């Protein structure tokens, strides 16, 4: 058993996840300000956090945690309460499918995780748009936003996965998660 696999004890068990949440809020805020100035959509670190939790927790807990991360994004962003929560949970749901079939496959796994997370988020947005009979998501918005947001999220996914490993610990073995 390596040192990284030992259960964390003491204050680090609470302080590291709390520090990760503070870092998440600060980094997403900074990225949003920088990309807004350039007229581009920001990479979604909240979505990557929900996807990372899907790799580290049992499925039911992962969906609840991802919903909580999205709800935090909604509360901080001042938008429609529950919209990003459903989106991040939808992304985590598809990441759970990737986790089931592509565990420990290196770069393919990383790419599929981001593709599944972004697809799940926007499918949830589309479902809510249809259900609410609103114009939350339009075709011009999809064409303008999704490719740029996906590219930025994919670029930052490797770095954010290392931050997630620091804050929440390494990914568990696939057998332990089922």
C-alpha atoms as a PDB file:
ATOM      1  CA  UNK A   1       0.000   0.000   0.000  1.00  0.00           C
ATOM      2  CA  UNK A   2       1.478   3.340  -1.014  1.00  0.00           C
ATOM      3  CA  UNK A   3       1.307   6.495   1.010  1.00  0.00           C
ATOM      4  CA  UNK A   4      -1.157   8.070  -1.441  1.00  0.00           C
ATOM      5  CA  UNK A   5      -3.622   5.224  -0.888  1.00  0.00           C
ATOM      6  CA  UNK A   6      -3.731   5.482   2.905  1.00  0.00           C
ATOM      7  CA  UNK A   7      -6.890   7.026   4.327  1.00  0.00           C
ATOM      8  CA  UNK A   8      -6.369  10.695   5.115  1.00  0.00           C
ATOM      9  CA  UNK A   9      -6.676  11.613   8.760  1.00  0.00           C
ATOM     10  CA  UNK A  10      -6.849  14.766  10.783  1.00  0.00           C
ATOM     11  CA  UNK A  11      -7.432  18.298   9.637  1.00  0.00           C
ATOM     12  CA  UNK A  12      -6.330  17.568   6.038  1.00  0.00           C
ATOM     13  CA  UNK A  13      -9.444  15.457   5.541  1.00  0.00           C
ATOM     14  CA  UNK A  14     -11.580  18.601   5.844  1.00  0.00           C
ATOM     15  CA  UNK A  15      -9.201  21.436   4.998  1.00  0.00           C
ATOM     16  CA  UNK A  16      -8.047  20.169   1.599  1.00  0.00           C
ATOM     17  CA  UNK A  17     -11.581  19.811   0.156  1.00  0.00           C
ATOM     18  CA  UNK A  18     -12.501  23.196   1.647  1.00  0.00           C
ATOM     19  CA  UNK A  19      -9.406  24.759   0.096  1.00  0.00           C
ATOM     20  CA  UNK A  20     -10.317  23.134  -3.228  1.00  0.00           C
ATOM     21  CA  UNK A  21     -13.764  24.745  -3.110  1.00  0.00           C
ATOM     22  CA  UNK A  22     -12.204  28.165  -2.440  1.00  0.00           C
ATOM     23  CA  UNK A  23      -9.728  27.567  -5.269  1.00  0.00           C
ATOM     24  CA  UNK A  24     -12.591  26.471  -7.553  1.00  0.00           C
ATOM     25  CA  UNK A  25     -14.542  29.663  -6.890  1.00  0.00           C
ATOM     26  CA  UNK A  26     -11.492  31.894  -7.318  1.00  0.00           C
ATOM     27  CA  UNK A  27     -10.222  30.158 -10.474  1.00  0.00           C
ATOM     28  CA  UNK A  28     -13.643  30.078 -12.134  1.00  0.00           C
ATOM     29  CA  UNK A  29     -14.184  33.744 -11.300  1.00  0.00           C
ATOM     30  CA  UNK A  30     -10.798  34.694 -12.719  1.00  0.00           C
ATOM     31  CA  UNK A  31     -11.331  32.611 -15.874  1.00  0.00           C
ATOM     32  CA  UNK A  32     -14.791  34.112 -16.352  1.00  0.00           C
ATOM     33  CA  UNK A  33     -13.456  37.665 -16.085  1.00  0.00           C
ATOM     34  CA  UNK A  34     -10.594  36.984 -18.499  1.00  0.00           C
ATOM     35  CA  UNK A  35     -12.714  35.217 -21.105  1.00  0.00           C
ATOM     36  CA  UNK A  36     -15.574  37.730 -20.826  1.00  0.00           C
ATOM     37  CA  UNK A  37     -13.100  40.468 -21.706  1.00  0.00           C
ATOM     38  CA  UNK A  38     -12.152  38.453 -24.804  1.00  0.00           C
ATOM     39  CA  UNK A  39     -15.806  37.758 -25.666  1.00  0.00           C
ATOM     40  CA  UNK A  40     -15.447  33.994 -25.163  1.00  0.00           C
ATOM     41  CA  UNK A  41     -17.219  31.512 -22.882  1.00  0.00           C
ATOM     42  CA  UNK A  42     -15.172  30.392 -19.885  1.00  0.00           C
ATOM     43  CA  UNK A  43     -14.033  26.814 -19.334  1.00  0.00           C
ATOM     44  CA  UNK A  44     -16.327  25.158 -16.801  1.00  0.00           C
ATOM     45  CA  UNK A  45     -14.334  24.150 -13.717  1.00  0.00           C
ATOM     46  CA  UNK A  46     -17.538  23.384 -11.841  1.00  0.00           C
ATOM     47  CA  UNK A  47     -18.347  20.782 -14.500  1.00  0.00           C
ATOM     48  CA  UNK A  48     -14.831  19.322 -14.235  1.00  0.00           C
ATOM     49  CA  UNK A  49     -15.268  19.143 -10.458  1.00  0.00           C
ATOM     50  CA  UNK A  50     -18.535  17.241 -10.869  1.00  0.00           C
ATOM     51  CA  UNK A  51     -16.849  14.905 -13.359  1.00  0.00           C
ATOM     52  CA  UNK A  52     -13.928  14.410 -10.995  1.00  0.00           C
ATOM     53  CA  UNK A  53     -16.300  13.514  -8.177  1.00  0.00           C
ATOM     54  CA  UNK A  54     -17.937  10.962 -10.476  1.00  0.00           C
ATOM     55  CA  UNK A  55     -14.550   9.227 -10.734  1.00  0.00           C
ATOM     56  CA  UNK A  56     -13.972   9.290  -6.971  1.00  0.00           C
ATOM     57  CA  UNK A  57     -17.333   8.399  -5.413  1.00  0.00           C
ATOM     58  CA  UNK A  58     -20.033   5.774  -5.609  1.00  0.00           C
ATOM     59  CA  UNK A  59     -22.585   6.624  -8.345  1.00  0.00           C
ATOM     60  CA  UNK A  60     -25.474   7.837  -6.160  1.00  0.00           C
ATOM     61  CA  UNK A  61     -23.177   9.970  -4.004  1.00  0.00           C
ATOM     62  CA  UNK A  62     -21.381  11.261  -7.081  1.00  0.00           C
ATOM     63  CA  UNK A  63     -24.640  12.498  -8.620  1.00  0.00           C
ATOM     64  CA  UNK A  64     -25.685  14.160  -5.365  1.00  0.00           C
ATOM     65  CA  UNK A  65     -22.265  15.791  -4.979  1.00  0.00           C
ATOM     66  CA  UNK A  66     -22.242  16.936  -8.623  1.00  0.00           C
ATOM     67  CA  UNK A  67     -25.702  18.439  -8.150  1.00  0.00           C
ATOM     68  CA  UNK A  68     -24.389  20.244  -5.068  1.00  0.00           C
ATOM     69  CA  UNK A  69     -21.418  21.614  -7.023  1.00  0.00           C
ATOM     70  CA  UNK A  70     -23.774  22.869  -9.724  1.00  0.00           C
ATOM     71  CA  UNK A  71     -26.070  24.375  -7.112  1.00  0.00           C
ATOM     72  CA  UNK A  72     -23.097  26.243  -5.668  1.00  0.00           C
ATOM     73  CA  UNK A  73     -22.418  27.560  -9.181  1.00  0.00           C
ATOM     74  CA  UNK A  74     -26.044  28.695  -9.476  1.00  0.00           C
ATOM     75  CA  UNK A  75     -26.003  30.431  -6.102  1.00  0.00           C
ATOM     76  CA  UNK A  76     -22.742  32.232  -6.866  1.00  0.00           C
ATOM     77  CA  UNK A  77     -23.737  33.125 -10.431  1.00  0.00           C
ATOM     78  CA  UNK A  78     -27.139  34.542  -9.679  1.00  0.00           C
ATOM     79  CA  UNK A  79     -28.770  32.758 -12.610  1.00  0.00           C
ATOM     80  CA  UNK A  80     -31.713  30.407 -12.724  1.00  0.00           C
ATOM     81  CA  UNK A  81     -31.473  28.340  -9.547  1.00  0.00           C
ATOM     82  CA  UNK A  82     -31.014  24.661 -10.383  1.00  0.00           C
ATOM     83  CA  UNK A  83     -30.035  25.060 -14.029  1.00  0.00           C
ATOM     84  CA  UNK A  84     -26.304  24.468 -13.630  1.00  0.00           C
ATOM     85  CA  UNK A  85     -27.025  21.982 -10.859  1.00  0.00           C
ATOM     86  CA  UNK A  86     -28.965  19.839 -13.319  1.00  0.00           C
ATOM     87  CA  UNK A  87     -26.289  20.391 -15.964  1.00  0.00           C
ATOM     88  CA  UNK A  88     -23.382  19.325 -13.759  1.00  0.00           C
ATOM     89  CA  UNK A  89     -25.382  16.319 -12.533  1.00  0.00           C
ATOM     90  CA  UNK A  90     -26.186  15.413 -16.150  1.00  0.00           C
ATOM     91  CA  UNK A  91     -22.499  15.648 -17.009  1.00  0.00           C
ATOM     92  CA  UNK A  92     -21.597  13.463 -14.024  1.00  0.00           C
ATOM     93  CA  UNK A  93     -24.200  10.922 -15.100  1.00  0.00           C
ATOM     94  CA  UNK A  94     -22.548  10.476 -18.493  1.00  0.00           C
ATOM     95  CA  UNK A  95     -19.097  10.429 -16.856  1.00  0.00           C
ATOM     96  CA  UNK A  96     -20.301   7.500 -14.754  1.00  0.00           C
ATOM     97  CA  UNK A  97     -20.980   5.682 -18.028  1.00  0.00           C
ATOM     98  CA  UNK A  98     -17.449   6.462 -19.219  1.00  0.00           C
ATOM     99  CA  UNK A  99     -16.084   5.291 -15.873  1.00  0.00           C
ATOM    100  CA  UNK A 100     -17.856   1.983 -16.263  1.00  0.00           C
ATOM    101  CA  UNK A 101     -16.492   1.186 -19.725  1.00  0.00           C
ATOM    102  CA  UNK A 102     -13.206   3.112 -20.101  1.00  0.00           C
ATOM    103  CA  UNK A 103     -11.509   2.935 -16.733  1.00  0.00           C
ATOM    104  CA  UNK A 104      -7.727   3.399 -16.692  1.00  0.00           C
ATOM    105  CA  UNK A 105      -7.378   4.013 -20.426  1.00  0.00           C
ATOM    106  CA  UNK A 106      -5.169   7.116 -20.208  1.00  0.00           C
ATOM    107  CA  UNK A 107      -5.684   9.946 -22.698  1.00  0.00           C
ATOM    108  CA  UNK A 108      -8.749   8.295 -24.222  1.00  0.00           C
ATOM    109  CA  UNK A 109     -10.373   8.220 -20.805  1.00  0.00           C
ATOM    110  CA  UNK A 110      -9.523  11.890 -20.200  1.00  0.00           C
ATOM    111  CA  UNK A 111     -10.950  12.955 -23.565  1.00  0.00           C
ATOM    112  CA  UNK A 112     -14.095  10.874 -23.142  1.00  0.00           C
ATOM    113  CA  UNK A 113     -14.600  12.241 -19.640  1.00  0.00           C
ATOM    114  CA  UNK A 114     -14.664  15.826 -20.894  1.00  0.00           C
ATOM    115  CA  UNK A 115     -16.795  14.939 -23.940  1.00  0.00           C
ATOM    116  CA  UNK A 116     -19.295  13.084 -21.742  1.00  0.00           C
ATOM    117  CA  UNK A 117     -19.385  15.853 -19.132  1.00  0.00           C
ATOM    118  CA  UNK A 118     -19.976  18.630 -21.673  1.00  0.00           C
ATOM    119  CA  UNK A 119     -22.514  16.542 -23.612  1.00  0.00           C
ATOM    120  CA  UNK A 120     -24.386  15.620 -20.434  1.00  0.00           C
ATOM    121  CA  UNK A 121     -24.456  19.219 -19.253  1.00  0.00           C
ATOM    122  CA  UNK A 122     -25.825  20.568 -22.517  1.00  0.00           C
ATOM    123  CA  UNK A 123     -28.303  17.699 -22.912  1.00  0.00           C
ATOM    124  CA  UNK A 124     -29.646  18.586 -19.468  1.00  0.00           C
ATOM    125  CA  UNK A 125     -29.830  22.244 -20.510  1.00  0.00           C
ATOM    126  CA  UNK A 126     -31.728  21.258 -23.674  1.00  0.00           C
ATOM    127  CA  UNK A 127     -34.139  19.052 -21.718  1.00  0.00           C
ATOM    128  CA  UNK A 128     -34.837  21.872 -19.259  1.00  0.00           C
ATOM    129  CA  UNK A 129     -35.281  24.339 -22.104  1.00  0.00           C
ATOM    130  CA  UNK A 130     -37.856  22.060 -23.712  1.00  0.00           C
ATOM    131  CA  UNK A 131     -39.591  21.275 -20.423  1.00  0.00           C
ATOM    132  CA  UNK A 132     -39.794  24.917 -19.360  1.00  0.00           C
ATOM    133  CA  UNK A 133     -40.804  26.014 -22.881  1.00  0.00           C
ATOM    134  CA  UNK A 134     -38.250  28.799 -22.783  1.00  0.00           C
ATOM    135  CA  UNK A 135     -35.431  30.088 -24.928  1.00  0.00           C
ATOM    136  CA  UNK A 136     -32.601  29.271 -22.498  1.00  0.00           C
ATOM    137  CA  UNK A 137     -30.722  27.341 -25.182  1.00  0.00           C
ATOM    138  CA  UNK A 138     -30.921  28.346 -28.823  1.00  0.00           C
ATOM    139  CA  UNK A 139     -29.113  27.073 -31.891  1.00  0.00           C
ATOM    140  CA  UNK A 140     -26.931  30.208 -32.211  1.00  0.00           C
ATOM    141  CA  UNK A 141     -25.991  29.853 -28.541  1.00  0.00           C
ATOM    142  CA  UNK A 142     -25.042  26.196 -29.065  1.00  0.00           C
ATOM    143  CA  UNK A 143     -22.929  26.991 -32.121  1.00  0.00           C
ATOM    144  CA  UNK A 144     -21.199  29.947 -30.460  1.00  0.00           C
ATOM    145  CA  UNK A 145     -20.683  28.558 -26.964  1.00  0.00           C
ATOM    146  CA  UNK A 146     -20.295  24.777 -26.868  1.00  0.00           C
ATOM    147  CA  UNK A 147     -17.193  24.297 -29.076  1.00  0.00           C
ATOM    148  CA  UNK A 148     -15.199  27.070 -27.373  1.00  0.00           C
ATOM    149  CA  UNK A 149     -16.279  26.009 -23.884  1.00  0.00           C
ATOM    150  CA  UNK A 150     -15.437  22.378 -24.700  1.00  0.00           C
ATOM    151  CA  UNK A 151     -11.974  23.303 -25.975  1.00  0.00           C
ATOM    152  CA  UNK A 152     -11.168  25.405 -22.919  1.00  0.00           C
ATOM    153  CA  UNK A 153     -12.510  22.774 -20.557  1.00  0.00           C
ATOM    154  CA  UNK A 154     -10.494  20.071 -22.314  1.00  0.00           C
ATOM    155  CA  UNK A 155      -7.307  22.148 -22.106  1.00  0.00           C
ATOM    156  CA  UNK A 156      -7.739  22.697 -18.358  1.00  0.00           C
ATOM    157  CA  UNK A 157      -8.947  19.173 -17.551  1.00  0.00           C
ATOM    158  CA  UNK A 158      -5.484  17.696 -16.916  1.00  0.00           C
ATOM    159  CA  UNK A 159      -4.474  20.456 -14.526  1.00  0.00           C
ATOM    160  CA  UNK A 160      -7.824  20.403 -12.749  1.00  0.00           C
ATOM    161  CA  UNK A 161      -7.658  16.618 -12.343  1.00  0.00           C
ATOM    162  CA  UNK A 162      -4.368  17.067 -10.464  1.00  0.00           C
ATOM    163  CA  UNK A 163      -6.012  19.712  -8.281  1.00  0.00           C
ATOM    164  CA  UNK A 164      -8.901  17.297  -7.634  1.00  0.00           C
ATOM    165  CA  UNK A 165      -6.404  14.588  -6.665  1.00  0.00           C
ATOM    166  CA  UNK A 166      -4.818  16.978  -4.192  1.00  0.00           C
ATOM    167  CA  UNK A 167      -8.167  18.076  -2.738  1.00  0.00           C
ATOM    168  CA  UNK A 168     -10.187  14.876  -2.747  1.00  0.00           C
ATOM    169  CA  UNK A 169      -7.564  12.173  -3.107  1.00  0.00           C
ATOM    170  CA  UNK A 170      -6.796   9.777  -5.938  1.00  0.00           C
ATOM    171  CA  UNK A 171      -9.402   8.009  -7.975  1.00  0.00           C
ATOM    172  CA  UNK A 172     -10.559   4.799  -6.385  1.00  0.00           C
ATOM    173  CA  UNK A 173     -10.122   1.423  -8.025  1.00  0.00           C
ATOM    174  CA  UNK A 174     -13.036   0.559 -10.366  1.00  0.00           C
ATOM    175  CA  UNK A 175     -13.954  -2.474  -8.256  1.00  0.00           C
ATOM    176  CA  UNK A 176     -14.336  -0.324  -5.145  1.00  0.00           C
ATOM    177  CA  UNK A 177     -16.722   2.098  -6.879  1.00  0.00           C
ATOM    178  CA  UNK A 178     -19.286  -0.324  -8.222  1.00  0.00           C
END
